[in-house]
Amino acid sequence: MSIKIEGIEKAEHVIGRWEPGDLCLIEAIKLVSEPDCCDSNLEVIALFQKRADSWPNFDKEMFRVVISFTDVSNLSLKDFGSGGVQIMGFEIRFIGDRGLEGINYEIEDYEDNRICFNCRSINIYSVSPC
């Protein structure tokens, strides 16, 4: 099975494509846990830019993308808290075939390990030029 992201057509329409590795800066993270449930959802607001020779280039076009990850587990954050966090190697991997209950994806920054977690599903809520 492959990666299935709800709302991917929004990114493809505005940016022209969807590549998780185009995520270059996380502006905000919001973790919401329900008090009567053990599920947590993570909302990420991030800047995306098509990769080029000098990436990221903050003088060139960027896109703000709001992504929601449901049923998040094993969340690890590093070097957050001092403004936007640059991510050099954002990756989404399908791991739903490993038999882990409620876990379909592993998300990580493979360059600097600034963010890593597992989740059940992914939804792109909005995409807009900056």
N, C-alpha and C. Protein backbone atom coordinates (compact mmCIF):
# COMPACT_ATOMS: atom_id res chain seq x y z
N MET A 1 0.84 -1.19 0.00
CA MET A 1 0.00 0.00 0.00
C MET A 1 0.89 1.25 0.00
N SER A 2 0.34 2.32 -0.47
CA SER A 2 1.12 3.55 -0.56
C SER A 2 0.58 4.60 0.40
N ILE A 3 1.22 5.74 0.41
CA ILE A 3 0.82 6.84 1.27
C ILE A 3 -0.48 7.44 0.74
N LYS A 4 -1.47 7.58 1.63
CA LYS A 4 -2.76 8.18 1.27
C LYS A 4 -2.96 9.40 2.16
N ILE A 5 -2.97 10.55 1.54
CA ILE A 5 -3.12 11.80 2.27
C ILE A 5 -4.40 12.49 1.80
N GLU A 6 -5.32 12.70 2.72
CA GLU A 6 -6.54 13.43 2.39
C GLU A 6 -6.18 14.88 2.08
N GLY A 7 -6.82 15.45 1.08
CA GLY A 7 -6.59 16.84 0.73
C GLY A 7 -5.34 17.10 -0.10
N ILE A 8 -4.71 16.05 -0.58
CA ILE A 8 -3.46 16.22 -1.34
C ILE A 8 -3.68 17.06 -2.60
N GLU A 9 -4.90 17.01 -3.13
CA GLU A 9 -5.21 17.77 -4.34
C GLU A 9 -5.07 19.27 -4.10
N LYS A 10 -5.25 19.73 -2.86
CA LYS A 10 -5.08 21.16 -2.54
C LYS A 10 -3.64 21.58 -2.76
N ALA A 11 -2.70 20.77 -2.30
CA ALA A 11 -1.28 21.08 -2.50
C ALA A 11 -0.91 21.00 -3.97
N GLU A 12 -1.39 19.97 -4.64
CA GLU A 12 -1.07 19.82 -6.07
C GLU A 12 -1.61 20.98 -6.88
N HIS A 13 -2.78 21.49 -6.51
CA HIS A 13 -3.38 22.61 -7.24
C HIS A 13 -2.61 23.91 -7.02
N VAL A 14 -2.25 24.20 -5.77
CA VAL A 14 -1.61 25.49 -5.46
C VAL A 14 -0.11 25.45 -5.73
N ILE A 15 0.56 24.40 -5.27
CA ILE A 15 2.02 24.31 -5.41
C ILE A 15 2.42 23.73 -6.77
N GLY A 16 1.58 22.86 -7.30
CA GLY A 16 1.89 22.21 -8.56
C GLY A 16 2.34 20.77 -8.37
N ARG A 17 2.56 20.38 -7.10
CA ARG A 17 2.95 19.01 -6.78
C ARG A 17 2.87 18.83 -5.27
N TRP A 18 2.99 17.59 -4.80
CA TRP A 18 3.09 17.31 -3.38
C TRP A 18 4.33 16.47 -3.14
N GLU A 19 5.30 17.03 -2.46
CA GLU A 19 6.51 16.33 -2.05
C GLU A 19 6.75 16.66 -0.58
N PRO A 20 6.63 15.68 0.33
CA PRO A 20 6.88 15.97 1.74
C PRO A 20 8.24 16.62 2.00
N GLY A 21 9.24 16.26 1.21
CA GLY A 21 10.58 16.81 1.38
C GLY A 21 10.69 18.29 1.06
N ASP A 22 9.62 18.88 0.50
CA ASP A 22 9.60 20.32 0.23
C ASP A 22 9.32 21.13 1.50
N LEU A 23 8.94 20.46 2.60
CA LEU A 23 8.73 21.16 3.87
C LEU A 23 10.08 21.68 4.35
N CYS A 24 10.17 22.99 4.55
CA CYS A 24 11.46 23.55 4.95
C CYS A 24 11.44 24.25 6.31
N LEU A 25 10.26 24.62 6.81
CA LEU A 25 10.22 25.33 8.08
C LEU A 25 8.89 25.06 8.78
N ILE A 26 8.95 24.63 10.03
CA ILE A 26 7.74 24.47 10.82
C ILE A 26 7.53 25.74 11.62
N GLU A 27 6.39 26.40 11.37
CA GLU A 27 6.06 27.64 12.06
C GLU A 27 5.36 27.38 13.39
N ALA A 28 4.48 26.38 13.42
CA ALA A 28 3.70 26.12 14.63
C ALA A 28 3.30 24.66 14.70
N ILE A 29 3.17 24.18 15.95
CA ILE A 29 2.71 22.82 16.21
C ILE A 29 1.68 22.91 17.33
N LYS A 30 0.58 22.19 17.14
CA LYS A 30 -0.47 22.16 18.17
C LYS A 30 -0.86 20.70 18.39
N LEU A 31 -0.63 20.22 19.61
CA LEU A 31 -0.99 18.86 19.99
C LEU A 31 -2.26 18.92 20.82
N VAL A 32 -3.29 18.18 20.39
CA VAL A 32 -4.58 18.17 21.08
C VAL A 32 -4.88 16.75 21.52
N SER A 33 -5.06 16.59 22.82
CA SER A 33 -5.43 15.29 23.39
C SER A 33 -6.81 15.41 24.01
N GLU A 34 -7.65 14.42 23.76
CA GLU A 34 -8.99 14.40 24.35
C GLU A 34 -8.89 13.83 25.76
N PRO A 35 -9.51 14.48 26.75
CA PRO A 35 -9.38 14.03 28.14
C PRO A 35 -9.97 12.65 28.40
N ASP A 36 -11.01 12.28 27.68
CA ASP A 36 -11.65 10.98 27.90
C ASP A 36 -11.19 9.91 26.93
N CYS A 37 -10.11 10.19 26.22
CA CYS A 37 -9.61 9.27 25.20
C CYS A 37 -8.09 9.32 25.19
N CYS A 38 -7.49 8.28 24.68
CA CYS A 38 -6.03 8.26 24.66
C CYS A 38 -5.46 8.74 23.32
N ASP A 39 -6.32 9.20 22.40
CA ASP A 39 -5.86 9.66 21.10
C ASP A 39 -5.40 11.12 21.15
N SER A 40 -4.36 11.42 20.38
CA SER A 40 -3.86 12.79 20.25
C SER A 40 -3.76 13.12 18.77
N ASN A 41 -4.10 14.36 18.45
CA ASN A 41 -3.96 14.83 17.07
C ASN A 41 -2.97 15.98 17.05
N LEU A 42 -2.20 16.04 15.97
CA LEU A 42 -1.16 17.04 15.83
C LEU A 42 -1.45 17.89 14.61
N GLU A 43 -1.48 19.21 14.80
CA GLU A 43 -1.63 20.13 13.68
C GLU A 43 -0.30 20.83 13.47
N VAL A 44 0.17 20.83 12.24
CA VAL A 44 1.45 21.45 11.89
C VAL A 44 1.19 22.53 10.85
N ILE A 45 1.71 23.71 11.10
CA ILE A 45 1.70 24.79 10.12
C ILE A 45 3.14 24.94 9.65
N ALA A 46 3.34 24.73 8.35
CA ALA A 46 4.70 24.70 7.83
C ALA A 46 4.81 25.44 6.51
N LEU A 47 6.03 25.87 6.21
CA LEU A 47 6.33 26.48 4.92
C LEU A 47 6.94 25.43 4.01
N PHE A 48 6.46 25.41 2.78
CA PHE A 48 6.96 24.49 1.76
C PHE A 48 7.54 25.31 0.62
N GLN A 49 8.58 24.77 0.01
CA GLN A 49 9.17 25.38 -1.17
C GLN A 49 9.74 24.25 -2.02
N LYS A 50 9.50 24.34 -3.33
CA LYS A 50 10.06 23.32 -4.22
C LYS A 50 11.57 23.33 -4.08
N ARG A 51 12.13 22.14 -3.94
CA ARG A 51 13.59 22.02 -3.77
C ARG A 51 14.33 22.45 -5.03
N ALA A 52 15.40 23.20 -4.81
CA ALA A 52 16.27 23.66 -5.90
C ALA A 52 17.70 23.65 -5.37
N ASP A 53 18.63 24.17 -6.17
CA ASP A 53 20.04 24.14 -5.78
C ASP A 53 20.30 24.84 -4.45
N SER A 54 19.74 25.99 -4.24
CA SER A 54 19.94 26.71 -2.97
C SER A 54 18.63 26.68 -2.19
N TRP A 55 18.37 25.58 -1.55
CA TRP A 55 17.11 25.37 -0.83
C TRP A 55 17.37 25.30 0.66
N PRO A 56 16.56 25.86 1.50
CA PRO A 56 15.48 26.78 1.13
C PRO A 56 16.02 28.18 0.85
N ASN A 57 15.32 28.88 0.00
CA ASN A 57 15.67 30.25 -0.35
C ASN A 57 14.49 31.12 0.07
N PHE A 58 14.64 31.84 1.17
CA PHE A 58 13.54 32.61 1.73
C PHE A 58 13.21 33.85 0.91
N ASP A 59 13.96 34.11 -0.17
CA ASP A 59 13.63 35.20 -1.08
C ASP A 59 12.75 34.74 -2.23
N LYS A 60 12.50 33.44 -2.32
CA LYS A 60 11.68 32.88 -3.41
C LYS A 60 10.34 32.42 -2.87
N GLU A 61 9.45 32.08 -3.78
CA GLU A 61 8.07 31.71 -3.43
C GLU A 61 8.01 30.54 -2.45
N MET A 62 7.16 30.73 -1.43
CA MET A 62 6.92 29.69 -0.43
C MET A 62 5.42 29.55 -0.25
N PHE A 63 5.02 28.42 0.32
CA PHE A 63 3.61 28.12 0.53
C PHE A 63 3.39 27.69 1.98
N ARG A 64 2.34 28.21 2.59
CA ARG A 64 1.99 27.83 3.96
C ARG A 64 0.98 26.68 3.87
N VAL A 65 1.31 25.58 4.52
CA VAL A 65 0.48 24.38 4.48
C VAL A 65 0.10 24.00 5.91
N VAL A 66 -1.19 23.74 6.11
CA VAL A 66 -1.69 23.28 7.40
C VAL A 66 -2.02 21.80 7.25
N ILE A 67 -1.35 20.97 8.05
CA ILE A 67 -1.50 19.52 7.97
C ILE A 67 -1.93 18.99 9.34
N SER A 68 -2.86 18.05 9.34
CA SER A 68 -3.29 17.41 10.57
C SER A 68 -2.90 15.93 10.53
N PHE A 69 -2.36 15.46 11.63
CA PHE A 69 -1.99 14.05 11.79
C PHE A 69 -2.85 13.49 12.92
N THR A 70 -3.55 12.39 12.67
CA THR A 70 -4.46 11.84 13.68
C THR A 70 -3.85 10.64 14.40
N ASP A 71 -4.29 10.47 15.64
CA ASP A 71 -3.84 9.37 16.49
C ASP A 71 -2.32 9.31 16.58
N VAL A 72 -1.73 10.41 16.97
CA VAL A 72 -0.27 10.54 17.04
C VAL A 72 0.28 9.80 18.26
N SER A 73 1.39 9.12 18.04
CA SER A 73 2.09 8.45 19.14
C SER A 73 3.60 8.61 18.95
N ASN A 74 4.33 8.40 20.04
CA ASN A 74 5.79 8.46 20.04
C ASN A 74 6.33 9.79 19.51
N LEU A 75 5.68 10.89 19.87
CA LEU A 75 6.10 12.21 19.41
C LEU A 75 7.40 12.62 20.09
N SER A 76 8.36 13.03 19.27
CA SER A 76 9.64 13.52 19.77
C SER A 76 9.98 14.82 19.04
N LEU A 77 10.26 15.86 19.81
CA LEU A 77 10.65 17.16 19.25
C LEU A 77 12.00 17.56 19.81
N LYS A 78 12.82 18.18 18.95
CA LYS A 78 14.16 18.61 19.36
C LYS A 78 14.42 20.00 18.80
N ASP A 79 14.95 20.89 19.62
CA ASP A 79 15.33 22.25 19.22
C ASP A 79 14.13 23.10 18.79
N PHE A 80 12.96 22.87 19.40
CA PHE A 80 11.79 23.70 19.16
C PHE A 80 11.72 24.75 20.25
N GLY A 81 11.04 25.86 19.99
CA GLY A 81 10.80 26.86 21.01
C GLY A 81 11.46 28.19 20.78
N SER A 82 12.24 28.32 19.75
CA SER A 82 12.90 29.60 19.49
C SER A 82 12.54 30.12 18.10
N GLY A 83 11.25 30.17 17.81
CA GLY A 83 10.79 30.61 16.50
C GLY A 83 10.61 29.43 15.57
N GLY A 84 10.53 29.71 14.28
CA GLY A 84 10.37 28.66 13.29
C GLY A 84 11.55 27.69 13.31
N VAL A 85 11.26 26.43 13.01
CA VAL A 85 12.30 25.40 13.03
C VAL A 85 12.53 24.89 11.61
N GLN A 86 13.75 25.06 11.13
CA GLN A 86 14.09 24.60 9.79
C GLN A 86 14.22 23.08 9.80
N ILE A 87 13.60 22.44 8.81
CA ILE A 87 13.62 20.99 8.66
C ILE A 87 14.29 20.68 7.32
N MET A 88 15.36 19.94 7.36
CA MET A 88 16.14 19.68 6.14
C MET A 88 15.81 18.34 5.48
N GLY A 89 15.10 17.47 6.17
CA GLY A 89 14.82 16.16 5.58
C GLY A 89 13.51 15.56 6.05
N PHE A 90 12.38 16.20 5.71
CA PHE A 90 11.06 15.74 6.14
C PHE A 90 10.63 14.55 5.29
N GLU A 91 10.21 13.49 5.96
CA GLU A 91 9.82 12.28 5.23
C GLU A 91 8.59 11.65 5.88
N ILE A 92 7.72 11.11 5.03
CA ILE A 92 6.55 10.36 5.46
C ILE A 92 6.69 8.96 4.88
N ARG A 93 6.66 7.95 5.76
CA ARG A 93 6.78 6.55 5.31
C ARG A 93 5.54 5.76 5.71
N PHE A 94 5.03 4.96 4.79
CA PHE A 94 3.92 4.06 5.10
C PHE A 94 4.48 2.85 5.85
N ILE A 95 3.92 2.60 7.05
CA ILE A 95 4.35 1.43 7.83
C ILE A 95 3.13 0.61 8.27
N GLY A 96 1.99 0.84 7.60
CA GLY A 96 0.75 0.16 7.95
C GLY A 96 0.79 -1.34 7.77
N ASP A 97 1.76 -1.84 7.03
CA ASP A 97 1.87 -3.28 6.80
C ASP A 97 2.71 -3.98 7.87
N ARG A 98 3.12 -3.25 8.90
CA ARG A 98 3.93 -3.84 9.97
C ARG A 98 3.10 -4.44 11.10
N GLY A 99 1.78 -4.31 11.02
CA GLY A 99 0.92 -4.90 12.03
C GLY A 99 0.82 -4.12 13.33
N LEU A 100 1.19 -2.84 13.32
CA LEU A 100 1.09 -2.00 14.51
C LEU A 100 -0.31 -1.40 14.56
N GLU A 101 -1.07 -1.68 15.61
CA GLU A 101 -2.45 -1.26 15.70
C GLU A 101 -2.58 0.27 15.69
N GLY A 102 -3.35 0.78 14.74
CA GLY A 102 -3.62 2.20 14.66
C GLY A 102 -2.48 3.04 14.12
N ILE A 103 -1.42 2.42 13.65
CA ILE A 103 -0.28 3.18 13.12
C ILE A 103 -0.10 2.83 11.65
N ASN A 104 -0.20 3.85 10.81
CA ASN A 104 0.00 3.66 9.37
C ASN A 104 1.20 4.40 8.82
N TYR A 105 1.63 5.47 9.53
CA TYR A 105 2.71 6.30 9.00
C TYR A 105 3.75 6.61 10.06
N GLU A 106 4.98 6.73 9.60
CA GLU A 106 6.08 7.22 10.41
C GLU A 106 6.55 8.51 9.76
N ILE A 107 6.61 9.57 10.55
CA ILE A 107 7.02 10.88 10.06
C ILE A 107 8.30 11.25 10.77
N GLU A 108 9.29 11.74 10.02
CA GLU A 108 10.54 12.13 10.67
C GLU A 108 11.33 13.13 9.85
N ASP A 109 12.19 13.83 10.56
CA ASP A 109 13.24 14.65 9.95
C ASP A 109 14.48 13.78 9.96
N TYR A 110 14.80 13.18 8.83
CA TYR A 110 15.92 12.22 8.78
C TYR A 110 17.29 12.89 8.79
N GLU A 111 17.34 14.21 8.65
CA GLU A 111 18.63 14.92 8.68
C GLU A 111 19.07 15.26 10.11
N ASP A 112 18.16 15.91 10.87
CA ASP A 112 18.53 16.43 12.18
C ASP A 112 17.68 15.89 13.33
N ASN A 113 16.76 14.98 13.04
CA ASN A 113 15.89 14.38 14.06
C ASN A 113 15.15 15.42 14.90
N ARG A 114 14.72 16.51 14.27
CA ARG A 114 14.02 17.55 15.02
C ARG A 114 12.56 17.19 15.30
N ILE A 115 12.00 16.30 14.49
CA ILE A 115 10.63 15.86 14.72
C ILE A 115 10.51 14.41 14.27
N CYS A 116 9.78 13.64 15.08
CA CYS A 116 9.57 12.23 14.75
C CYS A 116 8.31 11.77 15.46
N PHE A 117 7.43 11.04 14.77
CA PHE A 117 6.23 10.49 15.39
C PHE A 117 5.57 9.49 14.44
N ASN A 118 4.60 8.78 14.98
CA ASN A 118 3.78 7.87 14.21
C ASN A 118 2.36 8.39 14.22
N CYS A 119 1.57 8.01 13.21
CA CYS A 119 0.17 8.43 13.18
C CYS A 119 -0.67 7.47 12.35
N ARG A 120 -1.99 7.64 12.50
CA ARG A 120 -2.93 6.80 11.75
C ARG A 120 -3.22 7.39 10.37
N SER A 121 -3.48 8.72 10.31
CA SER A 121 -3.85 9.32 9.03
C SER A 121 -3.33 10.76 8.93
N ILE A 122 -3.35 11.28 7.70
CA ILE A 122 -2.81 12.60 7.41
C ILE A 122 -3.83 13.35 6.55
N ASN A 123 -4.03 14.64 6.88
CA ASN A 123 -4.98 15.45 6.13
C ASN A 123 -4.38 16.84 5.91
N ILE A 124 -4.33 17.26 4.66
CA ILE A 124 -3.91 18.62 4.32
C ILE A 124 -5.17 19.48 4.34
N TYR A 125 -5.20 20.46 5.27
CA TYR A 125 -6.38 21.32 5.42
C TYR A 125 -6.34 22.53 4.52
N SER A 126 -5.18 23.16 4.40
CA SER A 126 -5.11 24.35 3.55
C SER A 126 -3.71 24.55 3.01
N VAL A 127 -3.67 25.20 1.85
CA VAL A 127 -2.41 25.55 1.19
C VAL A 127 -2.58 26.94 0.61
N SER A 128 -1.64 27.84 0.93
CA SER A 128 -1.73 29.19 0.39
C SER A 128 -0.34 29.76 0.17
N PRO A 129 -0.19 30.61 -0.84
CA PRO A 129 1.10 31.29 -1.03
C PRO A 129 1.38 32.20 0.15
N CYS A 130 2.65 32.38 0.49
CA CYS A 130 3.02 33.29 1.59
C CYS A 130 3.13 34.70 1.07
